[in-house]
Amino acid sequence: MDLFFEDPTLPCTSQSTPKTGHEDSQMSEDTDHDSSIGKSSSVSVTEIPEHHTSSSINGISSRVQGLVEKINGSRTSDQKVMDSFQENLVEKVKGVCQQMKEHMYTVYEENSSEVQVKLQELFEVLENCTKLSNELLEASQALASLSKSLAISQTSESL
């Protein structure tokens, strides 16, 4: 977010804490400046404080603008760091997902091999069951035929 001060003559509503040692030099400059006011006859007393206040406001305004620009620069830098972090994270996640897929396919192949062996065994058992069922059906038909023959022969003997 960029902040711009359009009117440097407006009073500043934020407070700034000056650095240690800066207060003393500012105070001595004000004192020196005030002592020269009484000595100068060509400048009126009311013009100097306005000029001094205006230049102070301009100075503060330019320092605030510099700080805002520094903050915005830091934010831009932070955004670049976050974008880079996000890109790296996405690449790492893609890599891990690829590894997981490869592992998953390896497990699928192993399971498929095992399932194939079990299915082959099952088909062999089913084939044997079918053969036994057919043999049992043939034996049953043979017994039925034999039973029928015995029944006919017992009937003919009884007559």
Protein backbone atom coordinates (compact mmCIF):
# COMPACT_ATOMS: atom_id res chain seq x y z
CA MET A 1 0.00 0.00 0.00
CA ASP A 2 1.55 3.29 -1.07
CA LEU A 3 0.90 6.44 0.93
CA PHE A 4 1.38 9.84 -0.62
CA PHE A 5 1.12 13.21 1.05
CA GLU A 6 -0.43 15.64 -1.38
CA ASP A 7 -0.43 18.70 0.87
CA PRO A 8 2.79 19.09 2.87
CA THR A 9 1.31 22.02 4.82
CA LEU A 10 -1.23 19.80 6.62
CA PRO A 11 -0.26 19.01 10.22
CA CYS A 12 1.09 15.54 10.89
CA THR A 13 -1.16 13.40 13.12
CA SER A 14 1.38 10.68 13.83
CA GLN A 15 4.19 11.03 16.30
CA SER A 16 7.77 10.11 15.69
CA THR A 17 10.33 9.35 18.38
CA PRO A 18 13.61 11.00 17.46
CA LYS A 19 16.85 9.09 17.92
CA THR A 20 18.94 9.82 20.98
CA GLY A 21 21.24 12.77 20.47
CA HIS A 22 19.07 14.13 17.63
CA GLU A 23 16.94 16.10 20.12
CA ASP A 24 19.90 18.03 21.44
CA SER A 25 21.18 19.06 18.02
CA GLN A 26 17.66 20.09 16.94
CA MET A 27 17.23 22.10 20.12
CA SER A 28 20.53 23.90 19.69
CA GLU A 29 19.68 24.69 16.08
CA ASP A 30 16.32 26.12 17.20
CA THR A 31 18.05 28.17 19.88
CA ASP A 32 20.65 29.45 17.43
CA HIS A 33 17.94 30.23 14.92
CA ASP A 34 15.82 32.02 17.54
CA SER A 35 18.76 34.16 18.66
CA SER A 36 19.38 35.25 15.09
CA ILE A 37 15.74 36.32 14.73
CA GLY A 38 16.16 39.23 17.09
CA LYS A 39 19.33 40.38 15.29
CA SER A 40 17.92 40.36 11.77
CA SER A 41 16.05 43.50 10.89
CA SER A 42 15.02 42.63 7.32
CA VAL A 43 12.90 39.55 8.18
CA SER A 44 9.75 39.78 10.23
CA VAL A 45 9.32 37.50 13.25
CA THR A 46 6.12 35.90 11.95
CA GLU A 47 7.64 34.70 8.66
CA ILE A 48 10.48 32.67 10.17
CA PRO A 49 8.37 30.33 12.36
CA GLU A 50 6.04 29.65 9.40
CA HIS A 51 8.98 28.88 7.15
CA HIS A 52 10.61 26.78 9.87
CA THR A 53 7.29 24.91 10.53
CA SER A 54 6.73 24.38 6.82
CA SER A 55 10.23 23.04 6.30
CA SER A 56 9.84 20.80 9.39
CA ILE A 57 6.58 19.46 8.00
CA ASN A 58 8.21 18.96 4.61
CA GLY A 59 11.15 17.18 6.27
CA ILE A 60 8.87 14.95 8.30
CA SER A 61 6.70 14.35 5.28
CA SER A 62 9.68 13.33 3.16
CA ARG A 63 11.01 11.05 5.94
CA VAL A 64 7.56 9.45 6.30
CA GLN A 65 7.39 8.99 2.53
CA GLY A 66 10.85 7.39 2.64
CA LEU A 67 9.73 5.06 5.43
CA VAL A 68 6.58 4.14 3.52
CA GLU A 69 8.67 3.39 0.44
CA LYS A 70 11.01 1.29 2.59
CA ILE A 71 8.01 -0.60 4.02
CA ASN A 72 6.62 -1.15 0.53
CA GLY A 73 10.04 -2.37 -0.61
CA SER A 74 10.10 -4.80 2.32
CA ARG A 75 6.62 -5.99 1.44
CA THR A 76 7.65 -6.55 -2.16
CA SER A 77 10.68 -8.47 -0.96
CA ASP A 78 8.51 -10.51 1.42
CA GLN A 79 6.12 -11.29 -1.44
CA LYS A 80 9.03 -12.50 -3.58
CA VAL A 81 10.24 -14.71 -0.74
CA MET A 82 6.73 -16.15 -0.26
CA ASP A 83 6.34 -16.73 -4.02
CA SER A 84 9.68 -18.50 -4.12
CA PHE A 85 8.75 -20.57 -1.05
CA GLN A 86 5.43 -21.49 -2.66
CA GLU A 87 7.11 -22.53 -5.91
CA ASN A 88 9.65 -24.65 -4.02
CA LEU A 89 6.90 -26.20 -1.92
CA VAL A 90 4.81 -27.00 -4.98
CA GLU A 91 7.84 -28.65 -6.63
CA LYS A 92 8.56 -30.71 -3.52
CA VAL A 93 4.90 -31.76 -3.23
CA LYS A 94 4.90 -32.75 -6.91
CA GLY A 95 8.05 -34.80 -6.32
CA VAL A 96 6.56 -36.56 -3.29
CA CYS A 97 3.33 -37.24 -5.21
CA GLN A 98 5.34 -38.72 -8.09
CA GLN A 99 7.23 -40.97 -5.67
CA MET A 100 3.94 -42.05 -4.09
CA LYS A 101 2.49 -42.86 -7.52
CA GLU A 102 5.54 -44.91 -8.43
CA HIS A 103 5.33 -46.79 -5.14
CA MET A 104 1.60 -47.29 -5.62
CA TYR A 105 2.18 -48.75 -9.10
CA THR A 106 4.91 -51.03 -7.73
CA VAL A 107 2.49 -52.29 -5.07
CA TYR A 108 -0.19 -52.73 -7.76
CA GLU A 109 2.20 -54.85 -9.82
CA GLU A 110 3.17 -56.97 -6.83
CA ASN A 111 -0.48 -57.42 -5.86
CA SER A 112 -1.43 -58.15 -9.45
CA SER A 113 1.20 -60.89 -9.62
CA GLU A 114 -0.06 -62.43 -6.40
CA VAL A 115 -3.68 -62.14 -7.51
CA GLN A 116 -2.76 -63.68 -10.88
CA VAL A 117 -1.20 -66.69 -9.13
CA LYS A 118 -4.26 -67.10 -6.87
CA LEU A 119 -6.62 -66.75 -9.83
CA GLN A 120 -4.67 -69.40 -11.74
CA GLU A 121 -4.96 -71.73 -8.75
CA LEU A 122 -8.68 -70.97 -8.50
CA PHE A 123 -9.23 -71.72 -12.21
CA GLU A 124 -7.37 -75.02 -11.82
CA VAL A 125 -9.55 -75.95 -8.83
CA LEU A 126 -12.70 -74.93 -10.74
CA GLU A 127 -11.56 -76.98 -13.75
CA ASN A 128 -11.02 -80.01 -11.48
CA CYS A 129 -14.45 -79.43 -9.93
CA THR A 130 -16.00 -79.34 -13.39
CA LYS A 131 -14.26 -82.61 -14.35
CA LEU A 132 -15.36 -84.24 -11.09
CA SER A 133 -18.88 -82.96 -11.57
CA ASN A 134 -18.98 -84.42 -15.09
CA GLU A 135 -17.57 -87.75 -13.82
CA LEU A 136 -20.13 -87.75 -11.01
CA LEU A 137 -22.90 -87.04 -13.50
CA GLU A 138 -21.70 -89.91 -15.71
CA ALA A 139 -21.50 -92.23 -12.69
CA SER A 140 -24.96 -91.15 -11.61
CA GLN A 141 -26.34 -91.80 -15.09
CA ALA A 142 -24.60 -95.20 -15.14
CA LEU A 143 -26.09 -96.07 -11.77
CA ALA A 144 -29.51 -94.91 -12.90
CA SER A 145 -29.18 -97.03 -16.01
CA LEU A 146 -28.00 -100.00 -13.95
CA SER A 147 -30.83 -99.51 -11.49
CA LYS A 148 -33.30 -99.37 -14.34
CA SER A 149 -31.82 -102.54 -15.81
CA LEU A 150 -32.04 -104.28 -12.48
CA ALA A 151 -35.61 -103.19 -12.03
CA ILE A 152 -36.53 -104.54 -15.48
CA SER A 153 -34.77 -107.78 -14.85
CA GLN A 154 -36.45 -108.20 -11.48
CA THR A 155 -39.83 -107.57 -13.04
CA SER A 156 -39.19 -110.10 -15.80
CA GLU A 157 -38.06 -112.67 -13.25
CA SER A 158 -41.07 -112.20 -11.16
CA LEU A 159 -43.35 -112.81 -13.98
